[in-house]
Amino acid sequence: VEVQTDYVPLLNSLAVYGWQLTCVLPTPILKTNREGNLSTKQIVFLQRPSLPQKAKKKESKVNNL
């Protein structure tokens, strides 16, 4: 059985915020709908680079005044 997935819309919507797909884990959960189509559940892991702390930026501005 070949599983077809389309993560492009999800990845495009999250890429704007810096999220990147790191891993997809298939699960043993299989479901069949009324038309006989088989669907699976998958766990998707995303990550993004750490962003600079805004609090630190504010502190440095206050110290420079």
C-alpha atoms as a PDB file:
ATOM      1  CA  VAL A   1       0.000   0.000   0.000  1.00  0.00           C
ATOM      2  CA  GLU A   2       1.371   3.388  -1.001  1.00  0.00           C
ATOM      3  CA  VAL A   3       0.570   6.320   1.275  1.00  0.00           C
ATOM      4  CA  GLN A   4       0.084   9.674  -0.393  1.00  0.00           C
ATOM      5  CA  THR A   5       0.596  12.768   1.734  1.00  0.00           C
ATOM      6  CA  ASP A   6       0.554  16.460   0.961  1.00  0.00           C
ATOM      7  CA  TYR A   7       2.304  18.563   3.581  1.00  0.00           C
ATOM      8  CA  VAL A   8       2.934  21.484   1.208  1.00  0.00           C
ATOM      9  CA  PRO A   9       0.006  23.667   2.413  1.00  0.00           C
ATOM     10  CA  LEU A  10       0.924  23.063   6.065  1.00  0.00           C
ATOM     11  CA  LEU A  11       4.616  23.726   5.502  1.00  0.00           C
ATOM     12  CA  ASN A  12       3.968  26.855   3.435  1.00  0.00           C
ATOM     13  CA  SER A  13       1.709  28.327   6.111  1.00  0.00           C
ATOM     14  CA  LEU A  14       4.245  27.657   8.891  1.00  0.00           C
ATOM     15  CA  ALA A  15       7.385  28.564   6.920  1.00  0.00           C
ATOM     16  CA  VAL A  16       6.452  32.245   7.205  1.00  0.00           C
ATOM     17  CA  TYR A  17       7.067  31.933  10.958  1.00  0.00           C
ATOM     18  CA  GLY A  18      10.350  30.017  10.564  1.00  0.00           C
ATOM     19  CA  TRP A  19       9.030  26.502  11.227  1.00  0.00           C
ATOM     20  CA  GLN A  20      10.687  23.604   9.383  1.00  0.00           C
ATOM     21  CA  LEU A  21       9.648  19.962   9.059  1.00  0.00           C
ATOM     22  CA  THR A  22      12.115  17.711  10.880  1.00  0.00           C
ATOM     23  CA  CYS A  23      10.434  14.315  11.059  1.00  0.00           C
ATOM     24  CA  VAL A  24       7.240  12.431  10.213  1.00  0.00           C
ATOM     25  CA  LEU A  25       6.352   9.323  12.212  1.00  0.00           C
ATOM     26  CA  PRO A  26       3.652   7.036  10.856  1.00  0.00           C
ATOM     27  CA  THR A  27       1.320   5.514  13.427  1.00  0.00           C
ATOM     28  CA  PRO A  28      -0.390   2.123  13.324  1.00  0.00           C
ATOM     29  CA  ILE A  29      -3.786   3.879  13.206  1.00  0.00           C
ATOM     30  CA  LEU A  30      -5.633   3.030   9.990  1.00  0.00           C
ATOM     31  CA  LYS A  31      -9.162   4.107   9.121  1.00  0.00           C
ATOM     32  CA  THR A  32     -11.388   3.332   6.152  1.00  0.00           C
ATOM     33  CA  ASN A  33     -14.130   5.730   5.082  1.00  0.00           C
ATOM     34  CA  ARG A  34     -17.442   4.915   3.381  1.00  0.00           C
ATOM     35  CA  GLU A  35     -15.879   5.087  -0.105  1.00  0.00           C
ATOM     36  CA  GLY A  36     -13.288   2.503   0.905  1.00  0.00           C
ATOM     37  CA  ASN A  37     -10.395   4.979   1.053  1.00  0.00           C
ATOM     38  CA  LEU A  38      -7.778   4.148   3.648  1.00  0.00           C
ATOM     39  CA  SER A  39      -6.343   6.920   5.810  1.00  0.00           C
ATOM     40  CA  THR A  40      -3.522   6.925   8.337  1.00  0.00           C
ATOM     41  CA  LYS A  41      -2.507   9.226  11.154  1.00  0.00           C
ATOM     42  CA  GLN A  42       1.018  10.581  11.291  1.00  0.00           C
ATOM     43  CA  ILE A  43       2.900  12.558  13.891  1.00  0.00           C
ATOM     44  CA  VAL A  44       4.658  15.587  12.433  1.00  0.00           C
ATOM     45  CA  PHE A  45       7.607  17.215  14.202  1.00  0.00           C
ATOM     46  CA  LEU A  46       8.470  20.815  13.406  1.00  0.00           C
ATOM     47  CA  GLN A  47      11.184  23.090  14.734  1.00  0.00           C
ATOM     48  CA  ARG A  48      12.458  26.591  14.221  1.00  0.00           C
ATOM     49  CA  PRO A  49      15.709  28.280  15.106  1.00  0.00           C
ATOM     50  CA  SER A  50      15.754  29.977  18.478  1.00  0.00           C
ATOM     51  CA  LEU A  51      14.921  33.645  18.272  1.00  0.00           C
ATOM     52  CA  PRO A  52      16.741  36.356  20.216  1.00  0.00           C
ATOM     53  CA  GLN A  53      15.139  37.152  23.538  1.00  0.00           C
ATOM     54  CA  LYS A  54      13.048  40.328  23.341  1.00  0.00           C
ATOM     55  CA  ALA A  55      13.519  40.931  27.057  1.00  0.00           C
ATOM     56  CA  LYS A  56      17.284  41.102  26.624  1.00  0.00           C
ATOM     57  CA  LYS A  57      16.920  43.681  23.858  1.00  0.00           C
ATOM     58  CA  LYS A  58      14.689  45.831  26.069  1.00  0.00           C
ATOM     59  CA  GLU A  59      17.149  45.603  28.956  1.00  0.00           C
ATOM     60  CA  SER A  60      20.068  46.710  26.770  1.00  0.00           C
ATOM     61  CA  LYS A  61      18.058  49.707  25.513  1.00  0.00           C
ATOM     62  CA  VAL A  62      17.225  50.728  29.087  1.00  0.00           C
ATOM     63  CA  ASN A  63      20.877  50.413  30.155  1.00  0.00           C
ATOM     64  CA  ASN A  64      22.042  52.559  27.227  1.00  0.00           C
ATOM     65  CA  LEU A  65      19.729  55.479  28.146  1.00  0.00           C
END
